[in-house]
Amino acid sequence: MKRKYRILAACALGGSISFFTQRLIEAARKRGIELEIDIMTIDQVHHADLSSYDLILVAPQVQFHIDAIKERAKNVPIVPIDRLTYALADGEGALEKLVLPVLKKE
C-alpha cells in the first residue's frame, strides 16, 4: 500500500465534512498513512476532473448523487459515508470501515 492517497470528500455545502475529514487525516497519520483530502460541494463535484483521486467519499446528505458521480468518476472508487460515522466524526471508524478496505485493493 502506498503512503499518500488523494481523496475527494463530497458534501452539500462543504462545511460539515471539514471536521470529519480532519479526524480522518489524524487517524491515518497515526498509522503512517498520508491522506490529502479535497472537499467539494456536490455542485463542484459534478464539474470537476475526478480522475486524479484514489477515492471519493460521499456525505450522507448527498448520497442520492452517487449514480451521477459514478458516471463521471470512471474507475475511481466511490464510498458512501454512513450516517453514524459521519455524525460522530469517527476518523478511526471511517479509516477502518470505509477507506482502508478500498485502498488496500490497489
N, C-alpha and C. Protein backbone atom coordinates (compact mmCIF):
# COMPACT_ATOMS: atom_id res chain seq x y z
N MET A 1 0.85 -1.18 0.00
CA MET A 1 0.00 0.00 0.00
C MET A 1 0.90 1.24 0.00
N LYS A 2 0.63 2.15 -0.91
CA LYS A 2 1.44 3.35 -0.96
C LYS A 2 1.16 4.24 0.24
N ARG A 3 1.97 5.26 0.44
CA ARG A 3 1.90 6.06 1.65
C ARG A 3 1.05 7.32 1.54
N LYS A 4 0.78 7.82 0.35
CA LYS A 4 -0.01 9.04 0.21
C LYS A 4 -1.17 8.80 -0.75
N TYR A 5 -2.35 9.18 -0.32
CA TYR A 5 -3.55 8.99 -1.13
C TYR A 5 -4.30 10.30 -1.29
N ARG A 6 -4.87 10.48 -2.47
CA ARG A 6 -5.71 11.65 -2.74
C ARG A 6 -7.16 11.22 -2.64
N ILE A 7 -7.90 11.91 -1.79
CA ILE A 7 -9.30 11.60 -1.57
C ILE A 7 -10.12 12.86 -1.81
N LEU A 8 -11.27 12.68 -2.44
CA LEU A 8 -12.23 13.76 -2.60
C LEU A 8 -13.38 13.48 -1.65
N ALA A 9 -13.75 14.47 -0.86
CA ALA A 9 -14.89 14.35 0.05
C ALA A 9 -15.99 15.28 -0.45
N ALA A 10 -17.13 14.69 -0.81
CA ALA A 10 -18.25 15.45 -1.36
C ALA A 10 -19.31 15.68 -0.30
N CYS A 11 -19.80 16.92 -0.23
CA CYS A 11 -20.78 17.31 0.78
C CYS A 11 -21.74 18.32 0.15
N ALA A 12 -22.81 18.63 0.86
CA ALA A 12 -23.78 19.59 0.35
C ALA A 12 -23.17 20.99 0.24
N LEU A 13 -22.60 21.48 1.33
CA LEU A 13 -22.02 22.82 1.34
C LEU A 13 -20.53 22.84 1.66
N GLY A 14 -19.98 21.73 2.10
CA GLY A 14 -18.56 21.64 2.40
C GLY A 14 -18.19 21.93 3.83
N GLY A 15 -19.10 22.46 4.62
CA GLY A 15 -18.77 22.83 6.00
C GLY A 15 -18.76 21.67 6.96
N SER A 16 -19.80 20.88 6.93
CA SER A 16 -19.91 19.80 7.92
C SER A 16 -18.89 18.70 7.72
N ILE A 17 -18.40 18.55 6.52
CA ILE A 17 -17.47 17.47 6.26
C ILE A 17 -16.04 17.83 6.66
N SER A 18 -15.75 19.10 6.86
CA SER A 18 -14.37 19.50 7.17
C SER A 18 -13.89 18.92 8.50
N PHE A 19 -14.73 18.91 9.52
CA PHE A 19 -14.34 18.32 10.80
C PHE A 19 -14.15 16.81 10.65
N PHE A 20 -15.05 16.17 9.92
CA PHE A 20 -14.95 14.73 9.67
C PHE A 20 -13.62 14.39 8.98
N THR A 21 -13.28 15.13 7.93
CA THR A 21 -12.05 14.83 7.19
C THR A 21 -10.80 15.09 8.03
N GLN A 22 -10.84 16.10 8.87
CA GLN A 22 -9.70 16.36 9.75
C GLN A 22 -9.46 15.18 10.68
N ARG A 23 -10.51 14.63 11.24
CA ARG A 23 -10.40 13.46 12.12
C ARG A 23 -9.89 12.24 11.35
N LEU A 24 -10.31 12.10 10.10
CA LEU A 24 -9.85 11.01 9.26
C LEU A 24 -8.36 11.15 8.97
N ILE A 25 -7.91 12.34 8.65
CA ILE A 25 -6.49 12.60 8.39
C ILE A 25 -5.66 12.28 9.63
N GLU A 26 -6.13 12.68 10.80
CA GLU A 26 -5.42 12.40 12.05
C GLU A 26 -5.33 10.91 12.32
N ALA A 27 -6.40 10.17 12.09
CA ALA A 27 -6.40 8.72 12.30
C ALA A 27 -5.42 8.04 11.36
N ALA A 28 -5.38 8.48 10.12
CA ALA A 28 -4.46 7.90 9.14
C ALA A 28 -3.01 8.21 9.49
N ARG A 29 -2.77 9.44 9.91
CA ARG A 29 -1.41 9.85 10.27
C ARG A 29 -0.84 8.98 11.39
N LYS A 30 -1.69 8.61 12.34
CA LYS A 30 -1.25 7.75 13.45
C LYS A 30 -0.75 6.39 12.94
N ARG A 31 -1.22 6.00 11.77
CA ARG A 31 -0.81 4.71 11.18
C ARG A 31 0.25 4.87 10.10
N GLY A 32 0.75 6.07 9.95
CA GLY A 32 1.78 6.31 8.96
C GLY A 32 1.25 6.42 7.54
N ILE A 33 -0.02 6.73 7.40
CA ILE A 33 -0.64 6.88 6.09
C ILE A 33 -0.94 8.36 5.88
N GLU A 34 -0.50 8.88 4.75
CA GLU A 34 -0.76 10.29 4.46
C GLU A 34 -1.95 10.42 3.51
N LEU A 35 -2.93 11.19 3.94
CA LEU A 35 -4.10 11.46 3.12
C LEU A 35 -4.13 12.93 2.74
N GLU A 36 -4.34 13.19 1.48
CA GLU A 36 -4.60 14.54 1.01
C GLU A 36 -6.08 14.56 0.62
N ILE A 37 -6.88 15.32 1.35
CA ILE A 37 -8.32 15.31 1.13
C ILE A 37 -8.79 16.67 0.65
N ASP A 38 -9.40 16.67 -0.53
CA ASP A 38 -10.04 17.87 -1.07
C ASP A 38 -11.52 17.80 -0.75
N ILE A 39 -12.08 18.90 -0.30
CA ILE A 39 -13.51 18.98 0.00
C ILE A 39 -14.18 19.78 -1.11
N MET A 40 -15.25 19.23 -1.65
CA MET A 40 -16.02 19.93 -2.68
C MET A 40 -17.50 19.82 -2.38
N THR A 41 -18.22 20.85 -2.78
CA THR A 41 -19.68 20.75 -2.74
C THR A 41 -20.10 19.81 -3.87
N ILE A 42 -21.30 19.30 -3.78
CA ILE A 42 -21.77 18.38 -4.80
C ILE A 42 -21.82 19.06 -6.17
N ASP A 43 -22.13 20.34 -6.22
CA ASP A 43 -22.12 21.07 -7.49
C ASP A 43 -20.72 21.12 -8.09
N GLN A 44 -19.72 21.33 -7.25
CA GLN A 44 -18.33 21.34 -7.73
C GLN A 44 -17.93 19.96 -8.25
N VAL A 45 -18.36 18.92 -7.56
CA VAL A 45 -18.03 17.55 -7.96
C VAL A 45 -18.56 17.27 -9.37
N HIS A 46 -19.76 17.75 -9.66
CA HIS A 46 -20.36 17.49 -10.97
C HIS A 46 -19.59 18.14 -12.12
N HIS A 47 -18.71 19.09 -11.81
CA HIS A 47 -17.94 19.77 -12.85
C HIS A 47 -16.43 19.55 -12.75
N ALA A 48 -15.99 18.78 -11.78
CA ALA A 48 -14.56 18.60 -11.53
C ALA A 48 -13.98 17.42 -12.31
N ASP A 49 -12.67 17.48 -12.51
CA ASP A 49 -11.93 16.33 -13.05
C ASP A 49 -11.68 15.40 -11.87
N LEU A 50 -12.26 14.24 -11.88
CA LEU A 50 -12.18 13.31 -10.75
C LEU A 50 -11.10 12.25 -10.94
N SER A 51 -10.44 12.25 -12.07
CA SER A 51 -9.52 11.16 -12.42
C SER A 51 -8.27 11.08 -11.55
N SER A 52 -7.90 12.15 -10.88
CA SER A 52 -6.65 12.13 -10.10
C SER A 52 -6.85 11.63 -8.67
N TYR A 53 -8.06 11.27 -8.31
CA TYR A 53 -8.33 10.82 -6.94
C TYR A 53 -8.24 9.31 -6.81
N ASP A 54 -7.81 8.87 -5.64
CA ASP A 54 -7.76 7.44 -5.33
C ASP A 54 -9.09 6.95 -4.79
N LEU A 55 -9.89 7.86 -4.26
CA LEU A 55 -11.14 7.50 -3.60
C LEU A 55 -12.03 8.74 -3.51
N ILE A 56 -13.33 8.53 -3.62
CA ILE A 56 -14.29 9.61 -3.40
C ILE A 56 -15.21 9.19 -2.26
N LEU A 57 -15.26 10.01 -1.22
CA LEU A 57 -16.16 9.79 -0.09
C LEU A 57 -17.36 10.71 -0.25
N VAL A 58 -18.55 10.18 -0.03
CA VAL A 58 -19.77 10.95 -0.23
C VAL A 58 -20.54 11.05 1.08
N ALA A 59 -20.78 12.28 1.52
CA ALA A 59 -21.50 12.53 2.77
C ALA A 59 -22.94 12.03 2.66
N PRO A 60 -23.54 11.67 3.79
CA PRO A 60 -24.90 11.11 3.76
C PRO A 60 -25.95 11.98 3.07
N GLN A 61 -25.87 13.29 3.25
CA GLN A 61 -26.92 14.17 2.72
C GLN A 61 -26.89 14.33 1.21
N VAL A 62 -25.85 13.84 0.54
CA VAL A 62 -25.78 13.96 -0.93
C VAL A 62 -25.61 12.60 -1.62
N GLN A 63 -25.89 11.54 -0.91
CA GLN A 63 -25.69 10.21 -1.49
C GLN A 63 -26.62 9.89 -2.65
N PHE A 64 -27.69 10.65 -2.78
CA PHE A 64 -28.57 10.44 -3.94
C PHE A 64 -27.90 10.87 -5.24
N HIS A 65 -26.72 11.48 -5.16
CA HIS A 65 -25.95 11.88 -6.34
C HIS A 65 -24.93 10.81 -6.75
N ILE A 66 -24.85 9.72 -6.04
CA ILE A 66 -23.79 8.73 -6.29
C ILE A 66 -23.82 8.21 -7.73
N ASP A 67 -24.97 7.90 -8.28
CA ASP A 67 -25.02 7.39 -9.65
C ASP A 67 -24.44 8.39 -10.65
N ALA A 68 -24.75 9.66 -10.47
CA ALA A 68 -24.21 10.69 -11.36
C ALA A 68 -22.70 10.82 -11.19
N ILE A 69 -22.23 10.70 -9.95
CA ILE A 69 -20.78 10.77 -9.70
C ILE A 69 -20.08 9.58 -10.34
N LYS A 70 -20.68 8.41 -10.25
CA LYS A 70 -20.09 7.20 -10.85
C LYS A 70 -19.87 7.37 -12.35
N GLU A 71 -20.81 8.01 -13.02
CA GLU A 71 -20.68 8.23 -14.45
C GLU A 71 -19.46 9.08 -14.78
N ARG A 72 -19.16 10.04 -13.93
CA ARG A 72 -18.04 10.94 -14.17
C ARG A 72 -16.72 10.40 -13.63
N ALA A 73 -16.78 9.57 -12.60
CA ALA A 73 -15.58 9.15 -11.89
C ALA A 73 -14.83 8.01 -12.58
N LYS A 74 -15.45 7.40 -13.56
CA LYS A 74 -14.84 6.27 -14.27
C LYS A 74 -14.41 5.17 -13.30
N ASN A 75 -13.11 5.00 -13.10
CA ASN A 75 -12.59 3.90 -12.27
C ASN A 75 -12.26 4.28 -10.84
N VAL A 76 -12.60 5.48 -10.43
CA VAL A 76 -12.31 5.91 -9.06
C VAL A 76 -13.37 5.33 -8.13
N PRO A 77 -12.96 4.60 -7.09
CA PRO A 77 -13.94 4.03 -6.16
C PRO A 77 -14.71 5.13 -5.43
N ILE A 78 -16.01 4.90 -5.26
CA ILE A 78 -16.88 5.84 -4.56
C ILE A 78 -17.45 5.13 -3.35
N VAL A 79 -17.28 5.76 -2.18
CA VAL A 79 -17.73 5.14 -0.93
C VAL A 79 -18.66 6.10 -0.20
N PRO A 80 -19.89 5.67 0.07
CA PRO A 80 -20.79 6.49 0.88
C PRO A 80 -20.39 6.43 2.35
N ILE A 81 -20.44 7.55 3.02
CA ILE A 81 -20.14 7.60 4.46
C ILE A 81 -21.44 7.32 5.20
N ASP A 82 -21.42 6.33 6.08
CA ASP A 82 -22.64 6.03 6.83
C ASP A 82 -22.93 7.16 7.82
N ARG A 83 -24.19 7.32 8.14
CA ARG A 83 -24.65 8.44 8.97
C ARG A 83 -24.01 8.49 10.35
N LEU A 84 -23.87 7.35 11.01
CA LEU A 84 -23.32 7.34 12.36
C LEU A 84 -21.85 7.75 12.36
N THR A 85 -21.06 7.17 11.47
CA THR A 85 -19.64 7.52 11.37
C THR A 85 -19.48 9.00 11.07
N TYR A 86 -20.32 9.51 10.19
CA TYR A 86 -20.28 10.93 9.81
C TYR A 86 -20.68 11.82 10.98
N ALA A 87 -21.78 11.50 11.63
CA ALA A 87 -22.29 12.33 12.73
C ALA A 87 -21.31 12.38 13.90
N LEU A 88 -20.63 11.27 14.15
CA LEU A 88 -19.66 11.22 15.25
C LEU A 88 -18.28 11.73 14.84
N ALA A 89 -18.11 12.04 13.56
CA ALA A 89 -16.79 12.40 13.02
C ALA A 89 -15.76 11.38 13.48
N ASP A 90 -16.12 10.11 13.29
CA ASP A 90 -15.31 8.98 13.74
C ASP A 90 -14.20 8.70 12.72
N GLY A 91 -13.08 9.36 12.90
CA GLY A 91 -11.96 9.20 11.98
C GLY A 91 -11.42 7.79 11.95
N GLU A 92 -11.26 7.18 13.13
CA GLU A 92 -10.76 5.79 13.21
C GLU A 92 -11.72 4.83 12.52
N GLY A 93 -13.00 4.98 12.81
CA GLY A 93 -14.00 4.11 12.19
C GLY A 93 -14.06 4.28 10.69
N ALA A 94 -13.99 5.51 10.23
CA ALA A 94 -14.01 5.78 8.80
C ALA A 94 -12.79 5.17 8.11
N LEU A 95 -11.65 5.30 8.75
CA LEU A 95 -10.43 4.73 8.18
C LEU A 95 -10.56 3.22 8.06
N GLU A 96 -11.00 2.57 9.12
CA GLU A 96 -11.13 1.11 9.15
C GLU A 96 -12.22 0.59 8.21
N LYS A 97 -13.39 1.19 8.26
CA LYS A 97 -14.54 0.65 7.53
C LYS A 97 -14.67 1.14 6.10
N LEU A 98 -14.25 2.37 5.85
CA LEU A 98 -14.53 2.98 4.55
C LEU A 98 -13.30 3.14 3.67
N VAL A 99 -12.19 3.57 4.25
CA VAL A 99 -11.03 3.95 3.45
C VAL A 99 -10.07 2.78 3.22
N LEU A 100 -9.58 2.16 4.28
CA LEU A 100 -8.57 1.11 4.13
C LEU A 100 -9.02 -0.07 3.27
N PRO A 101 -10.26 -0.55 3.40
CA PRO A 101 -10.66 -1.67 2.54
C PRO A 101 -10.52 -1.36 1.04
N VAL A 102 -10.76 -0.12 0.67
CA VAL A 102 -10.65 0.27 -0.74
C VAL A 102 -9.19 0.47 -1.13
N LEU A 103 -8.43 1.16 -0.30
CA LEU A 103 -7.04 1.47 -0.64
C LEU A 103 -6.15 0.23 -0.62
N LYS A 104 -6.48 -0.75 0.20
CA LYS A 104 -5.69 -1.98 0.24
C LYS A 104 -5.81 -2.79 -1.04
N LYS A 105 -6.85 -2.55 -1.81
CA LYS A 105 -7.05 -3.26 -3.07
C LYS A 105 -6.10 -2.79 -4.16
N GLU A 106 -5.51 -1.62 -3.96
CA GLU A 106 -4.63 -1.06 -5.00
C GLU A 106 -3.32 -1.81 -5.08
